[in-house]
Protein backbone atom coordinates (compact mmCIF):
# COMPACT_ATOMS: atom_id res chain seq x y z
CA UNK A 1 72.42 111.12 95.64
CA UNK A 2 76.09 112.14 95.69
CA UNK A 3 78.14 109.25 94.25
CA UNK A 4 80.94 109.80 96.79
CA UNK A 5 78.61 109.13 99.70
CA UNK A 6 76.35 106.55 98.05
CA UNK A 7 75.65 103.57 100.29
CA UNK A 8 77.14 100.29 99.20
CA UNK A 9 74.84 98.08 97.19
CA UNK A 10 74.97 94.62 98.71
CA UNK A 11 75.41 92.10 95.92
CA UNK A 12 73.23 89.04 96.07
CA UNK A 13 75.07 85.74 96.09
CA UNK A 14 78.42 87.37 95.31
CA UNK A 15 77.67 88.90 91.93
CA UNK A 16 80.45 88.51 89.37
CA UNK A 17 82.59 91.56 88.74
CA UNK A 18 81.41 93.90 86.03
CA UNK A 19 84.52 95.83 84.92
CA UNK A 20 82.30 98.59 83.51
CA UNK A 21 80.98 99.26 87.03
CA UNK A 22 84.46 99.53 88.60
CA UNK A 23 86.58 102.63 89.02
CA UNK A 24 90.08 102.56 90.48
CA UNK A 25 91.01 105.75 92.29
CA UNK A 26 94.35 106.92 93.63
CA UNK A 27 93.50 108.85 96.78
CA UNK A 28 95.01 110.45 99.83
CA UNK A 29 94.62 108.73 103.20
CA UNK A 30 92.21 111.42 104.44
CA UNK A 31 89.87 111.30 101.44
CA UNK A 32 86.35 110.36 102.62
CA UNK A 33 86.18 107.55 100.04
CA UNK A 34 88.98 105.81 102.00
CA UNK A 35 86.98 105.86 105.24
CA UNK A 36 85.06 102.59 104.57
CA UNK A 37 88.39 100.80 104.09
CA UNK A 38 89.86 102.06 107.35
CA UNK A 39 86.66 101.66 109.37
CA UNK A 40 86.10 98.07 108.32
CA UNK A 41 89.77 97.17 108.74
CA UNK A 42 89.61 98.42 112.33
CA UNK A 43 86.56 96.26 113.03
CA UNK A 44 88.18 93.26 111.33
CA UNK A 45 91.46 93.62 113.23
CA UNK A 46 89.69 94.10 116.56
CA UNK A 47 87.42 91.11 116.01
CA UNK A 48 90.32 88.83 115.02
CA UNK A 49 93.04 90.12 117.35
CA UNK A 50 91.28 91.94 120.19
CA UNK A 51 91.98 89.15 122.66
CA UNK A 52 95.65 89.19 121.67
CA UNK A 53 96.43 92.90 121.50
CA UNK A 54 93.48 94.49 123.28
CA UNK A 55 90.37 96.21 121.96
CA UNK A 56 91.20 99.38 120.08
CA UNK A 57 94.70 98.22 119.12
CA UNK A 58 93.56 98.25 115.51
CA UNK A 59 93.42 102.04 115.54
CA UNK A 60 97.04 102.16 116.70
CA UNK A 61 98.06 99.82 113.88
CA UNK A 62 96.12 101.78 111.25
CA UNK A 63 97.74 105.02 112.42
CA UNK A 64 101.26 103.60 112.77
CA UNK A 65 102.53 105.21 109.56
CA UNK A 66 102.11 108.86 108.57
CA UNK A 67 99.64 109.40 105.74
CA UNK A 68 102.42 111.03 103.69
CA UNK A 69 104.16 107.63 103.37
CA UNK A 70 101.26 106.46 101.19
CA UNK A 71 101.57 109.38 98.74
CA UNK A 72 103.63 109.88 95.60
CA UNK A 73 106.40 109.48 94.79
CA UNK A 74 107.16 106.56 97.13
CA UNK A 75 103.68 105.38 97.96
CA UNK A 76 100.09 105.13 96.85
CA UNK A 77 96.64 104.32 98.12
CA UNK A 78 94.12 102.80 95.71
CA UNK A 79 90.40 102.38 96.24
CA UNK A 80 88.17 100.33 93.97
CA UNK A 81 84.68 101.69 93.68
CA UNK A 82 81.72 99.82 92.27
CA UNK A 83 78.79 101.97 91.22
CA UNK A 84 80.15 104.80 93.38
CA UNK A 85 80.76 102.86 96.60
CA UNK A 86 84.18 101.88 97.96
CA UNK A 87 84.41 98.07 97.84
CA UNK A 88 88.15 97.29 97.99
CA UNK A 89 91.51 98.95 98.32
CA UNK A 90 95.10 98.78 99.32
CA UNK A 91 98.21 100.88 99.68
CA UNK A 92 101.96 100.77 99.53
CA UNK A 93 104.84 102.69 100.99
CA UNK A 94 108.57 102.60 100.40
CA UNK A 95 110.22 99.76 102.30
CA UNK A 96 113.64 100.32 100.74
CA UNK A 97 114.87 101.79 97.45
CA UNK A 98 113.79 98.70 95.45
CA UNK A 99 110.96 97.38 97.60
CA UNK A 100 107.37 98.54 98.09
CA UNK A 101 105.62 97.43 101.26
CA UNK A 102 101.96 96.66 100.64
CA UNK A 103 99.59 97.60 103.46
CA UNK A 104 95.86 97.92 104.12
CA UNK A 105 94.71 95.43 101.48
CA UNK A 106 90.99 95.18 102.06
CA UNK A 107 87.73 94.01 100.51
CA UNK A 108 84.40 95.09 101.97
CA UNK A 109 82.84 92.11 103.78
CA UNK A 110 79.75 92.23 101.53
CA UNK A 111 81.92 91.97 98.41
CA UNK A 112 84.38 89.21 99.20
CA UNK A 113 85.03 86.17 97.02
CA UNK A 114 84.50 88.15 93.82
CA UNK A 115 88.13 88.67 92.78
CA UNK A 116 88.48 92.20 94.15
CA UNK A 117 91.53 91.42 96.30
CA UNK A 118 93.31 89.95 93.27
CA UNK A 119 92.41 93.08 91.32
CA UNK A 120 93.79 95.30 94.09
CA UNK A 121 97.04 93.28 94.22
CA UNK A 122 97.46 93.47 90.44
CA UNK A 123 96.85 97.23 90.42
CA UNK A 124 99.25 97.83 93.32
CA UNK A 125 101.92 95.64 91.69
CA UNK A 126 101.57 97.47 88.36
CA UNK A 127 101.77 100.90 89.99
CA UNK A 128 104.71 99.90 92.19
CA UNK A 129 106.52 98.66 89.06
CA UNK A 130 105.85 101.95 87.25
CA UNK A 131 107.27 103.77 90.28
CA UNK A 132 110.51 101.79 89.94
CA UNK A 133 110.06 99.16 92.62
CA UNK A 134 111.28 95.67 91.73
CA UNK A 135 110.07 93.81 94.78
CA UNK A 136 107.09 93.70 97.13
CA UNK A 137 107.17 92.97 100.84
CA UNK A 138 103.98 92.48 102.84
CA UNK A 139 102.74 90.91 106.03
CA UNK A 140 99.43 89.55 107.16
CA UNK A 141 98.29 88.37 110.53
CA UNK A 142 98.25 84.76 111.69
CA UNK A 143 94.45 84.88 111.99
CA UNK A 144 93.87 85.88 108.38
CA UNK A 145 94.07 82.58 106.50
CA UNK A 146 92.18 84.05 103.53
CA UNK A 147 94.96 86.59 103.00
CA UNK A 148 97.67 83.96 103.41
CA UNK A 149 96.06 81.79 100.74
CA UNK A 150 95.55 84.76 98.40
CA UNK A 151 99.23 85.68 98.58
CA UNK A 152 100.35 82.10 98.03
CA UNK A 153 98.02 81.75 95.01
CA UNK A 154 99.26 84.99 93.46
CA UNK A 155 102.96 84.15 93.50
CA UNK A 156 104.13 85.56 96.81
CA UNK A 157 106.93 83.67 98.55
CA UNK A 158 106.38 82.99 102.25
CA UNK A 159 109.24 84.11 104.46
CA UNK A 160 108.20 81.66 107.17
CA UNK A 161 107.70 77.93 107.58
CA UNK A 162 104.28 77.04 106.18
CA UNK A 163 104.17 73.95 108.41
CA UNK A 164 104.54 75.97 111.62
CA UNK A 165 101.49 77.12 113.60
CA UNK A 166 100.83 80.71 112.40
CA UNK A 167 100.00 81.79 115.96
CA UNK A 168 103.59 81.05 116.98
CA UNK A 169 105.07 83.09 114.11
CA UNK A 170 103.39 86.46 114.51
CA UNK A 171 103.11 88.54 111.34
CA UNK A 172 103.36 86.31 108.25
CA UNK A 173 105.79 87.92 105.81
CA UNK A 174 105.74 87.46 102.04
CA UNK A 175 107.85 88.78 99.16
CA UNK A 176 107.44 88.87 95.40
CA UNK A 177 109.70 90.07 92.61
CA UNK A 178 108.05 92.40 90.12
CA UNK A 179 108.71 92.33 86.36
CA UNK A 180 111.52 94.56 85.23
CA UNK A 181 115.29 94.57 85.20
CA UNK A 182 116.78 91.71 87.21
CA UNK A 183 117.58 92.32 90.85
CA UNK A 184 121.28 92.31 91.55
């Protein structure tokens, strides 16, 4: 079986990560190994926000930015594969000369709660730092409490009032300074 098209093995009871089974790939948006990320994100967005933005709005969101914005030198798209199947990923694009905007952070639904999202964040942060960015900006939706908690637990600063109802805020923005020379 071709490893690039291997079906995802469904872990039983959220198997712990085996670093030897993981491969981190830097890919273009149109690479077939990215397709599981985009397909499941569309389903996730439609299921959480379809009543708010309309069914199919997820496709518009996922196609909002040209694929070239997620390529070197200003951007990147990473996919984590486990035993040949895409299980997590994320991307960044240039927000401004010092800031990377993280987008499309995703973990396959069968592989959540295993630390993959933290791994993706760490890899994106490291690569953004190597590319000269000193700050990260990202948003998540008000109906994604798991993402909100992940960002808070990994040192991201909320740019909104945590006590306010997320539904009244809209996109929940976060920032984080990356290691490197101090920001002026």
